[in-house]
Amino acid sequence: MKAEIKCPACLAWVSSSDGHCTHCGSVLDRNVRLKQDRISRGVSVGPPERKKTRIDLWLERTEHSENTLVVVLRAIVGVAWAIYMAVLGFIVWLVTLLAG
């Protein structure tokens, strides 16, 4: 026995496996309908853009800087980030090794 659902447009009962209403042709899947509606209204369908943090803005502003202090500071931050990620990677490796 196939499950039936009510079409949101014409309110007729149709088989849920069809994907579209056999009477009016409307899309039965709510998520697909919402996505099509957003596209027709020109609203972004993807994930929302995250707000840039102060460090992101600073990194963009100083990317092509010729100031020696800024270049050295960016290098120090880069090395510190690499060390931080290496230590975290080692801790994850150690935990998985000890877990067996």
C-alpha atoms as a PDB file:
ATOM      1  CA  MET A   1       0.000   0.000   0.000  1.00  0.00           C
ATOM      2  CA  LYS A   2       1.471   3.336  -1.076  1.00  0.00           C
ATOM      3  CA  ALA A   3       1.317   6.291   1.264  1.00  0.00           C
ATOM      4  CA  GLU A   4      -0.752   9.195   0.096  1.00  0.00           C
ATOM      5  CA  ILE A   5      -0.368  12.842   0.931  1.00  0.00           C
ATOM      6  CA  LYS A   6      -2.515  15.880   0.330  1.00  0.00           C
ATOM      7  CA  CYS A   7      -1.355  18.251  -2.391  1.00  0.00           C
ATOM      8  CA  PRO A   8      -0.755  21.721  -0.889  1.00  0.00           C
ATOM      9  CA  ALA A   9      -2.026  23.471  -4.038  1.00  0.00           C
ATOM     10  CA  CYS A  10      -5.197  21.600  -5.071  1.00  0.00           C
ATOM     11  CA  LEU A  11      -5.775  19.569  -1.846  1.00  0.00           C
ATOM     12  CA  ALA A  12      -6.171  16.300  -3.771  1.00  0.00           C
ATOM     13  CA  TRP A  13      -4.823  13.050  -2.289  1.00  0.00           C
ATOM     14  CA  VAL A  14      -1.923  11.701  -4.395  1.00  0.00           C
ATOM     15  CA  SER A  15       0.752   9.037  -4.068  1.00  0.00           C
ATOM     16  CA  SER A  16       3.762  10.383  -2.156  1.00  0.00           C
ATOM     17  CA  SER A  17       6.214   8.549  -4.417  1.00  0.00           C
ATOM     18  CA  ASP A  18       5.295  10.628  -7.475  1.00  0.00           C
ATOM     19  CA  GLY A  19       7.027  13.833  -6.399  1.00  0.00           C
ATOM     20  CA  HIS A  20       4.477  15.941  -8.275  1.00  0.00           C
ATOM     21  CA  CYS A  21       0.710  16.157  -8.003  1.00  0.00           C
ATOM     22  CA  THR A  22      -1.000  14.202 -10.777  1.00  0.00           C
ATOM     23  CA  HIS A  23      -3.871  16.730 -10.829  1.00  0.00           C
ATOM     24  CA  CYS A  24      -2.177  20.137 -10.840  1.00  0.00           C
ATOM     25  CA  GLY A  25       1.546  19.327 -11.280  1.00  0.00           C
ATOM     26  CA  SER A  26       2.576  21.047  -8.031  1.00  0.00           C
ATOM     27  CA  VAL A  27       5.721  19.841  -6.245  1.00  0.00           C
ATOM     28  CA  LEU A  28       4.829  17.714  -3.212  1.00  0.00           C
ATOM     29  CA  ASP A  29       8.140  17.903  -1.312  1.00  0.00           C
ATOM     30  CA  ARG A  30       8.067  20.905   1.017  1.00  0.00           C
ATOM     31  CA  ASN A  31      11.844  21.488   0.892  1.00  0.00           C
ATOM     32  CA  VAL A  32      11.869  21.514  -2.907  1.00  0.00           C
ATOM     33  CA  ARG A  33       8.922  23.938  -2.941  1.00  0.00           C
ATOM     34  CA  LEU A  34      10.676  26.294  -0.516  1.00  0.00           C
ATOM     35  CA  LYS A  35      13.891  26.192  -2.547  1.00  0.00           C
ATOM     36  CA  GLN A  36      12.013  26.941  -5.799  1.00  0.00           C
ATOM     37  CA  ASP A  37      10.167  29.782  -4.069  1.00  0.00           C
ATOM     38  CA  ARG A  38      13.426  31.326  -2.830  1.00  0.00           C
ATOM     39  CA  ILE A  39      14.970  31.067  -6.287  1.00  0.00           C
ATOM     40  CA  SER A  40      11.937  32.707  -7.915  1.00  0.00           C
ATOM     41  CA  ARG A  41      12.092  35.579  -5.385  1.00  0.00           C
ATOM     42  CA  GLY A  42      15.858  36.005  -5.921  1.00  0.00           C
ATOM     43  CA  VAL A  43      16.771  35.071  -2.362  1.00  0.00           C
ATOM     44  CA  SER A  44      20.068  33.273  -1.775  1.00  0.00           C
ATOM     45  CA  VAL A  45      19.582  29.511  -1.447  1.00  0.00           C
ATOM     46  CA  GLY A  46      22.992  28.646   0.026  1.00  0.00           C
ATOM     47  CA  PRO A  47      24.182  29.050   3.588  1.00  0.00           C
ATOM     48  CA  PRO A  48      24.271  32.607   4.898  1.00  0.00           C
ATOM     49  CA  GLU A  49      27.579  34.445   4.708  1.00  0.00           C
ATOM     50  CA  ARG A  50      29.292  34.637   8.037  1.00  0.00           C
ATOM     51  CA  LYS A  51      30.189  38.025   9.416  1.00  0.00           C
ATOM     52  CA  LYS A  52      33.885  38.827   9.069  1.00  0.00           C
ATOM     53  CA  THR A  53      35.740  39.056  12.345  1.00  0.00           C
ATOM     54  CA  ARG A  54      38.186  41.810  13.204  1.00  0.00           C
ATOM     55  CA  ILE A  55      41.132  39.508  12.561  1.00  0.00           C
ATOM     56  CA  ASP A  56      39.744  38.610   9.109  1.00  0.00           C
ATOM     57  CA  LEU A  57      39.412  42.295   8.250  1.00  0.00           C
ATOM     58  CA  TRP A  58      42.931  43.015   9.532  1.00  0.00           C
ATOM     59  CA  LEU A  59      44.381  40.136   7.516  1.00  0.00           C
ATOM     60  CA  GLU A  60      42.691  41.404   4.352  1.00  0.00           C
ATOM     61  CA  ARG A  61      43.855  44.985   4.922  1.00  0.00           C
ATOM     62  CA  THR A  62      47.468  44.001   5.600  1.00  0.00           C
ATOM     63  CA  GLU A  63      47.806  41.268   2.977  1.00  0.00           C
ATOM     64  CA  HIS A  64      49.961  43.332   0.588  1.00  0.00           C
ATOM     65  CA  SER A  65      51.502  45.661   3.155  1.00  0.00           C
ATOM     66  CA  GLU A  66      55.078  46.883   2.705  1.00  0.00           C
ATOM     67  CA  ASN A  67      55.395  47.958   6.338  1.00  0.00           C
ATOM     68  CA  THR A  68      58.140  45.858   7.932  1.00  0.00           C
ATOM     69  CA  LEU A  69      56.396  45.663  11.298  1.00  0.00           C
ATOM     70  CA  VAL A  70      53.177  44.392   9.713  1.00  0.00           C
ATOM     71  CA  VAL A  71      55.048  41.818   7.617  1.00  0.00           C
ATOM     72  CA  VAL A  72      56.911  40.507  10.696  1.00  0.00           C
ATOM     73  CA  LEU A  73      53.718  40.462  12.774  1.00  0.00           C
ATOM     74  CA  ARG A  74      51.895  38.507  10.065  1.00  0.00           C
ATOM     75  CA  ALA A  75      54.781  36.019   9.926  1.00  0.00           C
ATOM     76  CA  ILE A  76      54.721  35.583  13.712  1.00  0.00           C
ATOM     77  CA  VAL A  77      50.966  35.026  13.697  1.00  0.00           C
ATOM     78  CA  GLY A  78      51.344  32.493  10.862  1.00  0.00           C
ATOM     79  CA  VAL A  79      54.040  30.551  12.711  1.00  0.00           C
ATOM     80  CA  ALA A  80      52.042  30.642  15.953  1.00  0.00           C
ATOM     81  CA  TRP A  81      48.978  29.319  14.103  1.00  0.00           C
ATOM     82  CA  ALA A  82      51.025  26.500  12.549  1.00  0.00           C
ATOM     83  CA  ILE A  83      52.434  25.518  15.947  1.00  0.00           C
ATOM     84  CA  TYR A  84      48.962  25.621  17.505  1.00  0.00           C
ATOM     85  CA  MET A  85      47.538  23.362  14.784  1.00  0.00           C
ATOM     86  CA  ALA A  86      50.513  20.977  15.079  1.00  0.00           C
ATOM     87  CA  VAL A  87      49.991  20.642  18.837  1.00  0.00           C
ATOM     88  CA  LEU A  88      46.263  20.019  18.348  1.00  0.00           C
ATOM     89  CA  GLY A  89      47.015  17.429  15.669  1.00  0.00           C
ATOM     90  CA  PHE A  90      49.467  15.692  17.997  1.00  0.00           C
ATOM     91  CA  ILE A  91      46.904  15.628  20.815  1.00  0.00           C
ATOM     92  CA  VAL A  92      44.268  14.103  18.498  1.00  0.00           C
ATOM     93  CA  TRP A  93      46.796  11.531  17.286  1.00  0.00           C
ATOM     94  CA  LEU A  94      47.771  10.692  20.867  1.00  0.00           C
ATOM     95  CA  VAL A  95      44.163  10.300  21.996  1.00  0.00           C
ATOM     96  CA  THR A  96      43.347   7.992  19.069  1.00  0.00           C
ATOM     97  CA  LEU A  97      46.529   6.004  19.716  1.00  0.00           C
ATOM     98  CA  LEU A  98      45.677   5.521  23.383  1.00  0.00           C
ATOM     99  CA  ALA A  99      42.041   4.698  22.615  1.00  0.00           C
ATOM    100  CA  GLY A 100      43.197   1.733  20.594  1.00  0.00           C
END
